[in-house]
Amino acid sequence: MGLTHQVIRTFSRADKKRSGGSFLTAVFFFLILVGWGCRSEVSPPRSVILISLDTLRADHLGAYGYARPTSPNLDALAASGVVFEMALAQASSTLPSHRSLFRSRLPSRAEAPTPTLAEVVAQNGLTTAAFTGGGNVSTAFGFDRGFETYVDDPRGFGESFDDIEIWIRTHAQDRFMLFLHTYDIHLPYDPPAPYRDQFGADYDGQINGRKTLDALRRERGFKGYRNQGSEPELEEADRAKIIDLYDGGILYTDTFIERLRLLLRELELLDETALVVFSDHGEEFWEHGSVLHSHTLYQELIHVPLIFSFPGHWAAGERIETPVQLLDVAPTVLDLLRIPIPKTFEGRSLLGLIRGEEAEPRGIASEIRNLSSRVEYPWKLIEEQRGEITVRALFNLETDPFETRDVLKERRDVGERMSAGLNGEVQDGANAFVPSVDFEGVEPALREQLEALGYVEDERPASSAPERP
């Protein structure tokens, strides 16, 4: 029995003995407690829609403080829901991050044959479907497990959204979990007009749409692009235009958030559907000397947006500062749906935080290639394994949010404690290697799509360690 019913029954007994004054006092406290009880006992949504906006940095959204108007509809969604101000991805690449999210396990443990979110939801009677950009979330990598319908469509929301709308209209009377994913923000940063010129329209240089692919591969020094010398170096204006195009892709993708909300409102599904918006990883724009993703675990790559919206059921505009992780998405969705959470899930439900409850402090780990990190706010430790050599760096995110000053020498006690915690979490310790992409055995068409998205084969770490991660 919910708290609200318990309160009503208690005050019904009290009414028999009340005087006028005590009655008013009882009513006053009743109203307070009923409000608190409604906040605590959220009715389960009829359906859930998960929206993965691939490669979206949290700090390029208005809801996270960005000055540019890149995300009016996402900002409106955030204002009507719950924003987690520091959500951390478990990997800085699409495949391991999504695999980790759906199994609620760290990337180095996520390939084990454990239940996926979709499998658990389907076993509990909901219809499951996914419309994705394919590539690193393709059926070739097993992401269709548990989904009755799974569509790989690399064309982006502009071409695929009609199919999404048809599916929702067809299943409007069902309880469902729908997973939507797009690469519209991802490299090569080529949004359609007018979004490609929404920012930096006066630029007149070498960067234009798909030319960003080769330019940024050269910047990263990818194999086949090192020391070519056939193209001019990127100037400051070129770098600014690359960010302009990235931001234009965010604004373009943002339009589909509103289209989805309008569709749900038309079908009278908006108030009974929970929306969960997130990204799998961010993107670097020279903050630590390079570009793109998959290569580090700095905040520009693992700090991602995470927004829950369930209109009429949660207080609008709530912002939660407690650090959380993408591992928490799957158990939260199951908790919302009143479905038992599998013991194999390593994340925890966020409903307690949404209700205003205190959360036990915990470390949050991320992995990619031979790198691992742990956040115990405000501290963040990054470790790089090079055979028997471990290179560490420690940052204070409160005083140094851009991770520019390694304070390991000054706070070696913190570094050693966090390193012990990290080694207790990451599978196989120094021998762990989390690939950012998997080319093994893929069909030529899928390989071509992965390469068009900028992915190259992972190289194992060299035998000598660099100065720092």
Protein backbone atom coordinates (compact mmCIF):
# COMPACT_ATOMS: atom_id res chain seq x y z
CA MET A 1 0.00 0.00 0.00
CA GLY A 2 1.34 3.45 -0.97
CA LEU A 3 2.08 6.12 1.55
CA THR A 4 -0.87 8.22 0.38
CA HIS A 5 -3.37 5.51 1.35
CA GLN A 6 -1.71 5.01 4.73
CA VAL A 7 -2.01 8.72 5.49
CA ILE A 8 -5.69 8.81 4.52
CA ARG A 9 -6.49 5.89 6.78
CA THR A 10 -4.61 7.46 9.71
CA PHE A 11 -6.45 10.74 9.46
CA SER A 12 -9.81 8.99 9.11
CA ARG A 13 -9.29 7.52 12.61
CA ALA A 14 -8.14 10.90 13.94
CA ASP A 15 -11.28 12.61 12.65
CA LYS A 16 -13.41 10.79 15.21
CA LYS A 17 -11.64 12.57 18.11
CA ARG A 18 -10.76 15.90 16.55
CA SER A 19 -11.69 19.37 17.64
CA GLY A 20 -11.96 22.18 15.16
CA GLY A 21 -8.33 23.31 15.62
CA SER A 22 -6.86 19.83 15.53
CA PHE A 23 -8.87 19.08 12.40
CA LEU A 24 -7.32 22.04 10.56
CA THR A 25 -3.89 21.00 11.76
CA ALA A 26 -4.51 17.46 10.58
CA VAL A 27 -5.65 18.68 7.16
CA PHE A 28 -2.54 20.86 6.87
CA PHE A 29 -0.19 17.98 7.55
CA PHE A 30 -2.29 15.68 5.40
CA LEU A 31 -1.79 17.94 2.37
CA ILE A 32 1.96 18.09 2.98
CA LEU A 33 2.27 14.33 3.33
CA VAL A 34 0.06 13.56 0.36
CA GLY A 35 2.26 15.78 -1.79
CA TRP A 36 5.35 14.00 -0.47
CA GLY A 37 3.70 10.63 -0.96
CA CYS A 38 2.84 11.39 -4.59
CA ARG A 39 6.47 12.30 -5.18
CA SER A 40 7.61 9.05 -3.58
CA GLU A 41 5.05 6.74 -5.20
CA VAL A 42 5.36 7.50 -8.91
CA SER A 43 2.94 5.49 -11.03
CA PRO A 44 4.80 3.40 -13.60
CA PRO A 45 4.79 4.76 -17.15
CA ARG A 46 2.89 2.88 -19.77
CA SER A 47 5.87 3.03 -22.15
CA VAL A 48 9.50 4.15 -22.27
CA ILE A 49 11.46 5.73 -25.12
CA LEU A 50 15.27 5.74 -24.92
CA ILE A 51 16.95 8.31 -27.18
CA SER A 52 20.69 8.02 -27.80
CA LEU A 53 22.16 11.10 -29.51
CA ASP A 54 25.53 9.71 -30.48
CA THR A 55 28.62 11.88 -29.79
CA LEU A 56 26.75 14.67 -27.98
CA ARG A 57 28.83 16.55 -25.40
CA ALA A 58 26.86 17.66 -22.37
CA ASP A 59 28.43 21.12 -22.39
CA HIS A 60 27.13 21.90 -25.90
CA LEU A 61 23.51 21.98 -24.72
CA GLY A 62 21.75 25.02 -23.29
CA ALA A 63 20.46 22.86 -20.44
CA TYR A 64 24.10 22.34 -19.43
CA GLY A 65 25.14 25.96 -19.75
CA TYR A 66 26.10 26.33 -23.42
CA ALA A 67 25.66 29.90 -24.67
CA ARG A 68 24.78 28.99 -28.26
CA PRO A 69 21.12 28.15 -29.02
CA THR A 70 21.87 24.58 -30.15
CA SER A 71 19.10 22.77 -28.30
CA PRO A 72 15.82 24.65 -27.69
CA ASN A 73 13.71 21.49 -27.68
CA LEU A 74 16.07 19.43 -25.56
CA ASP A 75 16.26 22.38 -23.17
CA ALA A 76 12.45 22.45 -22.97
CA LEU A 77 12.43 18.71 -22.29
CA ALA A 78 15.02 19.22 -19.56
CA ALA A 79 12.94 22.03 -18.04
CA SER A 80 9.96 19.67 -17.79
CA GLY A 81 11.96 16.77 -16.39
CA VAL A 82 15.03 15.79 -14.39
CA VAL A 83 18.56 16.72 -15.45
CA PHE A 84 21.57 14.83 -14.12
CA GLU A 85 24.29 17.43 -14.17
CA MET A 86 27.19 14.98 -14.10
CA ALA A 87 26.40 11.75 -15.91
CA LEU A 88 29.46 9.73 -16.93
CA ALA A 89 29.73 7.25 -19.78
CA GLN A 90 31.54 3.98 -19.16
CA ALA A 91 33.48 4.26 -22.43
CA SER A 92 34.36 6.97 -24.93
CA SER A 93 33.31 4.99 -27.99
CA THR A 94 29.93 3.94 -29.34
CA LEU A 95 30.10 0.14 -29.25
CA PRO A 96 31.47 -0.44 -25.72
CA SER A 97 29.41 2.40 -24.27
CA HIS A 98 26.08 1.12 -25.59
CA ARG A 99 26.94 -2.49 -24.78
CA SER A 100 27.73 -1.41 -21.23
CA LEU A 101 24.51 0.59 -20.96
CA PHE A 102 22.19 -2.20 -22.13
CA ARG A 103 23.80 -4.84 -19.89
CA SER A 104 24.51 -2.41 -17.01
CA ARG A 105 28.04 -3.76 -16.74
CA LEU A 106 31.47 -2.20 -17.17
CA PRO A 107 32.75 -2.54 -20.76
CA SER A 108 35.38 -5.15 -19.87
CA ARG A 109 32.59 -7.32 -18.44
CA ALA A 110 29.77 -6.44 -20.83
CA GLU A 111 30.47 -9.10 -23.43
CA ALA A 112 29.50 -11.83 -20.99
CA PRO A 113 26.20 -13.62 -21.84
CA THR A 114 24.12 -11.70 -19.30
CA PRO A 115 20.58 -10.32 -19.72
CA THR A 116 20.09 -7.10 -21.68
CA LEU A 117 17.58 -4.42 -20.79
CA ALA A 118 15.50 -5.24 -23.87
CA GLU A 119 15.38 -8.94 -23.00
CA VAL A 120 14.17 -8.25 -19.47
CA VAL A 121 11.54 -5.76 -20.65
CA ALA A 122 10.29 -8.11 -23.37
CA GLN A 123 10.03 -10.99 -20.91
CA ASN A 124 7.74 -8.80 -18.83
CA GLY A 125 5.23 -8.23 -21.60
CA LEU A 126 6.28 -4.97 -23.28
CA THR A 127 6.68 -4.67 -27.03
CA THR A 128 10.28 -3.78 -27.90
CA ALA A 129 11.61 -1.99 -30.97
CA ALA A 130 14.69 -0.04 -32.04
CA PHE A 131 15.48 2.32 -34.90
CA THR A 132 19.21 2.99 -35.01
CA GLY A 133 21.96 4.34 -37.22
CA GLY A 134 23.56 0.90 -37.39
CA GLY A 135 27.35 1.04 -37.46
CA ASN A 136 28.66 0.33 -33.98
CA VAL A 137 25.15 -0.46 -32.70
CA SER A 138 24.38 -2.77 -35.60
CA THR A 139 22.68 -6.13 -35.30
CA ALA A 140 26.08 -7.54 -36.35
CA PHE A 141 27.27 -6.82 -32.80
CA GLY A 142 24.25 -8.38 -31.09
CA PHE A 143 22.41 -5.19 -30.16
CA ASP A 144 19.13 -6.64 -31.43
CA ARG A 145 18.94 -9.09 -28.50
CA GLY A 146 15.54 -8.73 -26.88
CA PHE A 147 14.10 -6.45 -29.57
CA GLU A 148 11.18 -7.72 -31.63
CA THR A 149 11.94 -5.06 -34.24
CA TYR A 150 15.46 -3.74 -34.82
CA VAL A 151 16.19 -1.45 -37.77
CA ASP A 152 19.70 -0.41 -38.83
CA ASP A 153 19.31 2.73 -40.95
CA PRO A 154 22.44 4.87 -41.47
CA ARG A 155 20.48 7.68 -43.16
CA GLY A 156 19.75 9.50 -39.89
CA PHE A 157 16.54 10.84 -38.39
CA GLY A 158 15.83 12.97 -41.46
CA GLU A 159 15.14 9.84 -43.51
CA SER A 160 14.17 7.35 -40.84
CA PHE A 161 11.77 9.35 -38.68
CA ASP A 162 8.79 8.60 -40.91
CA ASP A 163 9.31 4.89 -40.17
CA ILE A 164 9.58 5.66 -36.46
CA GLU A 165 6.31 7.59 -36.58
CA ILE A 166 4.54 4.77 -38.39
CA TRP A 167 5.74 2.29 -35.76
CA ILE A 168 4.55 4.47 -32.87
CA ARG A 169 1.15 5.03 -34.47
CA THR A 170 0.78 1.31 -35.11
CA HIS A 171 1.66 0.45 -31.50
CA ALA A 172 -0.02 3.37 -29.76
CA GLN A 173 -2.29 1.02 -27.80
CA ASP A 174 0.58 -1.22 -26.68
CA ARG A 175 2.97 -0.93 -23.75
CA PHE A 176 6.37 -0.62 -25.36
CA MET A 177 10.03 0.20 -24.96
CA LEU A 178 11.42 2.01 -27.99
CA PHE A 179 15.14 2.70 -28.54
CA LEU A 180 16.04 5.52 -30.94
CA HIS A 181 19.63 6.21 -31.99
CA THR A 182 21.22 8.54 -34.54
CA TYR A 183 24.65 9.58 -35.82
CA ASP A 184 23.34 12.96 -37.01
CA ILE A 185 25.71 14.77 -34.61
CA HIS A 186 28.66 12.44 -35.25
CA LEU A 187 31.57 12.98 -37.66
CA PRO A 188 31.61 14.00 -40.51
CA TYR A 189 29.58 16.94 -39.09
CA ASP A 190 27.54 17.36 -42.25
CA PRO A 191 24.05 18.61 -41.30
CA PRO A 192 21.68 19.64 -44.11
CA ALA A 193 20.91 23.23 -44.98
CA PRO A 194 20.14 25.56 -43.26
CA TYR A 195 21.78 23.94 -40.22
CA ARG A 196 25.26 23.69 -41.77
CA ASP A 197 25.43 27.48 -41.89
CA GLN A 198 23.45 28.21 -38.73
CA PHE A 199 26.70 29.04 -36.95
CA GLY A 200 29.73 30.66 -38.59
CA ALA A 201 27.88 31.52 -41.80
CA ASP A 202 30.56 34.06 -42.83
CA TYR A 203 33.33 31.42 -42.96
CA ASP A 204 35.09 31.03 -46.31
CA GLY A 205 37.74 28.36 -45.99
CA GLN A 206 38.71 24.76 -46.65
CA ILE A 207 36.28 23.11 -44.22
CA ASN A 208 32.91 22.20 -45.67
CA GLY A 209 30.72 19.31 -44.55
CA ARG A 210 32.30 15.97 -45.33
CA LYS A 211 35.76 17.48 -45.68
CA THR A 212 35.87 17.41 -41.90
CA LEU A 213 36.40 13.64 -42.05
CA ASP A 214 39.80 13.81 -43.74
CA ALA A 215 40.82 17.00 -41.91
CA LEU A 216 40.24 15.48 -38.47
CA ARG A 217 41.79 12.16 -39.41
CA ARG A 218 44.92 14.13 -40.27
CA GLU A 219 44.68 15.96 -36.96
CA ARG A 220 44.55 12.64 -35.10
CA GLY A 221 47.43 11.26 -37.14
CA PHE A 222 45.52 8.18 -38.23
CA LYS A 223 47.35 5.60 -40.32
CA GLY A 224 47.35 6.72 -43.95
CA TYR A 225 46.96 10.37 -42.93
CA ARG A 226 50.24 10.92 -41.08
CA ASN A 227 52.67 13.45 -42.56
CA GLN A 228 50.83 13.67 -45.86
CA GLY A 229 51.60 17.35 -46.34
CA SER A 230 49.16 17.63 -49.25
CA GLU A 231 46.62 19.71 -47.34
CA PRO A 232 47.17 23.01 -45.52
CA GLU A 233 47.27 22.99 -41.72
CA LEU A 234 44.05 23.91 -39.97
CA GLU A 235 43.93 27.54 -38.97
CA GLU A 236 41.96 28.96 -36.06
CA ALA A 237 39.04 29.84 -38.35
CA ASP A 238 38.99 26.27 -39.69
CA ARG A 239 38.87 24.85 -36.20
CA ALA A 240 36.05 27.21 -35.29
CA LYS A 241 34.09 26.13 -38.39
CA ILE A 242 34.44 22.47 -37.42
CA ILE A 243 32.78 23.27 -34.09
CA ASP A 244 30.17 25.35 -35.95
CA LEU A 245 29.26 22.30 -38.05
CA TYR A 246 29.12 20.08 -34.97
CA ASP A 247 26.78 22.54 -33.26
CA GLY A 248 24.67 22.75 -36.42
CA GLY A 249 24.24 18.97 -36.24
CA ILE A 250 22.99 19.29 -32.67
CA LEU A 251 20.43 21.93 -33.69
CA TYR A 252 19.28 19.76 -36.60
CA THR A 253 18.88 16.69 -34.39
CA ASP A 254 17.09 18.78 -31.77
CA THR A 255 14.19 19.35 -34.18
CA PHE A 256 13.28 15.67 -34.00
CA ILE A 257 12.87 15.86 -30.24
CA GLU A 258 10.01 18.29 -30.77
CA ARG A 259 8.58 16.20 -33.58
CA LEU A 260 8.53 13.19 -31.25
CA ARG A 261 6.86 15.14 -28.45
CA LEU A 262 4.19 16.51 -30.80
CA LEU A 263 3.46 12.99 -32.05
CA LEU A 264 3.14 11.62 -28.52
CA ARG A 265 0.87 14.50 -27.55
CA GLU A 266 -1.34 13.93 -30.59
CA LEU A 267 -1.69 10.24 -29.69
CA GLU A 268 -2.31 11.12 -26.02
CA LEU A 269 0.80 9.19 -25.01
CA LEU A 270 2.97 12.04 -23.73
CA ASP A 271 1.77 11.94 -20.12
CA GLU A 272 2.16 8.18 -19.83
CA THR A 273 5.50 7.78 -21.61
CA ALA A 274 8.86 8.24 -19.92
CA LEU A 275 11.54 9.75 -22.16
CA VAL A 276 15.21 9.11 -21.44
CA VAL A 277 17.69 11.19 -23.45
CA PHE A 278 21.43 10.53 -23.27
CA SER A 279 24.60 10.27 -25.29
CA ASP A 280 27.09 7.43 -25.41
CA HIS A 281 30.14 9.71 -25.32
CA GLY A 282 31.27 13.23 -26.14
CA GLU A 283 33.81 14.66 -28.57
CA GLU A 284 37.18 16.36 -28.19
CA PHE A 285 37.93 19.66 -29.90
CA TRP A 286 41.62 20.11 -29.06
CA GLU A 287 41.09 20.38 -25.26
CA HIS A 288 43.89 17.86 -24.70
CA GLY A 289 45.72 18.20 -27.97
CA SER A 290 43.58 16.05 -30.23
CA VAL A 291 40.11 15.58 -31.72
CA LEU A 292 37.23 13.12 -32.05
CA HIS A 293 36.73 10.32 -29.46
CA SER A 294 37.72 6.77 -28.44
CA HIS A 295 41.26 7.83 -27.44
CA THR A 296 41.02 9.30 -23.90
CA LEU A 297 38.79 9.40 -20.82
CA TYR A 298 38.87 13.12 -20.17
CA GLN A 299 35.60 14.84 -19.31
CA GLU A 300 34.93 16.13 -22.83
CA LEU A 301 34.55 12.48 -23.84
CA ILE A 302 32.77 10.89 -20.88
CA HIS A 303 30.61 13.71 -19.44
CA VAL A 304 27.33 13.18 -21.28
CA PRO A 305 23.78 14.53 -21.03
CA LEU A 306 21.21 12.46 -19.16
CA ILE A 307 17.63 13.71 -19.01
CA PHE A 308 14.56 11.88 -17.71
CA SER A 309 11.13 13.29 -18.55
CA PHE A 310 7.86 11.89 -17.22
CA PRO A 311 5.39 14.82 -17.37
CA GLY A 312 2.94 15.16 -14.52
CA HIS A 313 4.75 12.61 -12.36
CA TRP A 314 7.97 14.40 -11.37
CA ALA A 315 8.70 17.94 -10.34
CA ALA A 316 9.63 19.95 -13.45
CA GLY A 317 13.12 21.37 -13.78
CA GLU A 318 14.78 19.25 -11.11
CA ARG A 319 18.58 19.21 -11.38
CA ILE A 320 20.66 16.57 -9.60
CA GLU A 321 24.32 17.28 -8.88
CA THR A 322 25.24 13.81 -7.57
CA PRO A 323 27.47 12.08 -10.16
CA VAL A 324 25.74 9.16 -11.88
CA GLN A 325 26.65 6.82 -14.73
CA LEU A 326 25.13 5.31 -17.85
CA LEU A 327 25.23 1.95 -16.04
CA ASP A 328 22.32 3.35 -14.04
CA VAL A 329 19.98 3.84 -17.02
CA ALA A 330 18.87 0.21 -17.38
CA PRO A 331 18.09 -0.41 -13.68
CA THR A 332 16.26 2.94 -13.52
CA VAL A 333 14.07 2.00 -16.48
CA LEU A 334 13.24 -1.36 -14.89
CA ASP A 335 12.54 0.30 -11.54
CA LEU A 336 10.20 2.76 -13.28
CA LEU A 337 8.34 -0.12 -14.92
CA ARG A 338 8.19 -2.05 -11.62
CA ILE A 339 10.23 -4.87 -13.13
CA PRO A 340 12.79 -6.69 -10.91
CA ILE A 341 16.38 -5.70 -11.65
CA PRO A 342 18.69 -8.63 -12.57
CA LYS A 343 21.49 -9.32 -10.13
CA THR A 344 23.97 -9.10 -13.02
CA PHE A 345 23.27 -5.36 -13.40
CA GLU A 346 26.06 -3.31 -11.82
CA GLY A 347 24.33 0.08 -11.93
CA ARG A 348 21.65 1.24 -9.53
CA SER A 349 18.25 2.83 -9.96
CA LEU A 350 18.20 6.63 -9.90
CA LEU A 351 14.63 6.89 -8.66
CA GLY A 352 15.85 7.42 -5.11
CA LEU A 353 17.84 10.48 -6.21
CA ILE A 354 14.84 11.74 -8.16
CA ARG A 355 12.73 11.40 -4.99
CA GLY A 356 15.29 13.48 -3.13
CA GLU A 357 16.88 10.65 -1.15
CA GLU A 358 20.55 10.71 -0.22
CA ALA A 359 22.76 8.31 -2.16
CA GLU A 360 25.72 6.39 -0.82
CA PRO A 361 28.99 7.74 -2.25
CA ARG A 362 30.51 5.52 -4.91
CA GLY A 363 33.30 5.54 -7.44
CA ILE A 364 32.40 5.66 -11.13
CA ALA A 365 34.69 3.80 -13.52
CA SER A 366 35.16 4.14 -17.28
CA GLU A 367 37.34 2.20 -19.73
CA ILE A 368 38.63 2.41 -23.28
CA ARG A 369 41.50 0.56 -24.89
CA ASN A 370 44.29 0.41 -22.26
CA LEU A 371 42.88 3.35 -20.26
CA SER A 372 40.67 3.34 -17.20
CA SER A 373 39.38 6.11 -14.95
CA ARG A 374 37.59 6.50 -11.64
CA VAL A 375 35.64 9.50 -10.39
CA GLU A 376 35.04 10.05 -6.68
CA TYR A 377 33.96 13.65 -6.94
CA PRO A 378 35.77 15.97 -6.84
CA TRP A 379 38.66 13.61 -7.57
CA LYS A 380 39.28 11.88 -10.88
CA LEU A 381 42.05 9.36 -11.53
CA ILE A 382 43.12 8.23 -15.01
CA GLU A 383 45.36 5.21 -15.44
CA GLU A 384 47.09 3.96 -18.57
CA GLN A 385 48.43 0.41 -18.65
CA ARG A 386 51.51 -0.25 -20.77
CA GLY A 387 52.41 -3.83 -20.06
CA GLU A 388 53.85 -3.83 -16.56
CA ILE A 389 53.97 -0.03 -16.43
CA THR A 390 51.09 2.05 -15.04
CA VAL A 391 50.92 5.77 -15.76
CA ARG A 392 48.58 7.78 -13.53
CA ALA A 393 47.17 11.29 -13.44
CA LEU A 394 44.94 12.81 -10.75
CA PHE A 395 42.66 15.83 -11.17
CA ASN A 396 40.40 17.86 -8.91
CA LEU A 397 37.27 18.45 -11.01
CA GLU A 398 35.95 21.07 -8.63
CA THR A 399 38.92 23.41 -8.96
CA ASP A 400 40.12 22.16 -12.36
CA PRO A 401 37.08 21.02 -14.39
CA PHE A 402 39.07 20.98 -17.65
CA GLU A 403 41.71 18.59 -16.27
CA THR A 404 44.73 20.76 -16.98
CA ARG A 405 46.74 20.17 -13.79
CA ASP A 406 47.86 16.75 -12.59
CA VAL A 407 48.00 16.87 -8.77
CA LEU A 408 49.08 13.28 -8.18
CA LYS A 409 52.41 14.30 -6.62
CA GLU A 410 50.68 16.55 -4.10
CA ARG A 411 47.87 14.10 -3.29
CA ARG A 412 49.48 10.71 -3.70
CA ASP A 413 47.35 9.39 -0.84
CA VAL A 414 44.19 10.10 -2.83
CA GLY A 415 45.70 8.61 -5.98
CA GLU A 416 46.71 5.37 -4.25
CA ARG A 417 43.31 4.95 -2.62
CA MET A 418 41.48 5.56 -5.90
CA SER A 419 43.85 3.30 -7.83
CA ALA A 420 43.08 0.47 -5.42
CA GLY A 421 39.37 1.06 -5.93
CA LEU A 422 39.77 1.15 -9.69
CA ASN A 423 41.79 -2.05 -9.81
CA GLY A 424 39.07 -3.70 -7.74
CA GLU A 425 36.48 -2.79 -10.37
CA VAL A 426 38.17 -3.20 -13.74
CA GLN A 427 38.32 -6.75 -14.98
CA ASP A 428 41.78 -8.30 -15.33
CA GLY A 429 43.53 -5.20 -14.05
CA ALA A 430 46.52 -4.29 -16.20
CA ASN A 431 45.62 -6.89 -18.84
CA ALA A 432 42.25 -5.35 -19.72
CA PHE A 433 41.88 -3.91 -23.22
CA VAL A 434 38.51 -2.49 -24.27
CA PRO A 435 38.35 -2.10 -28.06
CA SER A 436 36.67 1.03 -29.35
CA VAL A 437 35.53 -0.71 -32.53
CA ASP A 438 35.27 -4.28 -33.81
CA PHE A 439 36.11 -4.90 -37.47
CA GLU A 440 36.53 -8.65 -37.08
CA GLY A 441 34.29 -10.56 -39.47
CA VAL A 442 32.06 -7.58 -40.39
CA GLU A 443 30.49 -7.37 -43.82
CA PRO A 444 32.11 -4.95 -46.31
CA ALA A 445 29.11 -2.59 -46.25
CA LEU A 446 29.26 -2.29 -42.46
CA ARG A 447 33.03 -1.79 -42.53
CA GLU A 448 32.56 0.99 -45.07
CA GLN A 449 29.98 2.67 -42.83
CA LEU A 450 32.30 2.46 -39.81
CA GLU A 451 35.16 3.98 -41.78
CA ALA A 452 32.86 6.75 -43.06
CA LEU A 453 32.09 7.54 -39.41
CA GLY A 454 35.81 7.96 -38.81
CA TYR A 455 36.58 4.65 -37.09
CA VAL A 456 39.86 2.83 -37.64
CA GLU A 457 41.11 -0.44 -36.22
CA ASP A 458 42.36 -0.26 -32.64
CA GLU A 459 46.05 -0.61 -32.09
CA ARG A 460 47.26 -2.41 -29.00
CA PRO A 461 49.33 -0.29 -26.62
CA ALA A 462 53.03 0.00 -27.32
CA SER A 463 55.60 -1.38 -24.92
CA SER A 464 56.77 2.01 -23.66
CA ALA A 465 54.58 4.38 -21.71
CA PRO A 466 54.00 8.01 -22.65
CA GLU A 467 54.59 10.73 -20.12
CA ARG A 468 50.91 10.77 -19.09
CA PRO A 469 47.50 9.50 -20.27
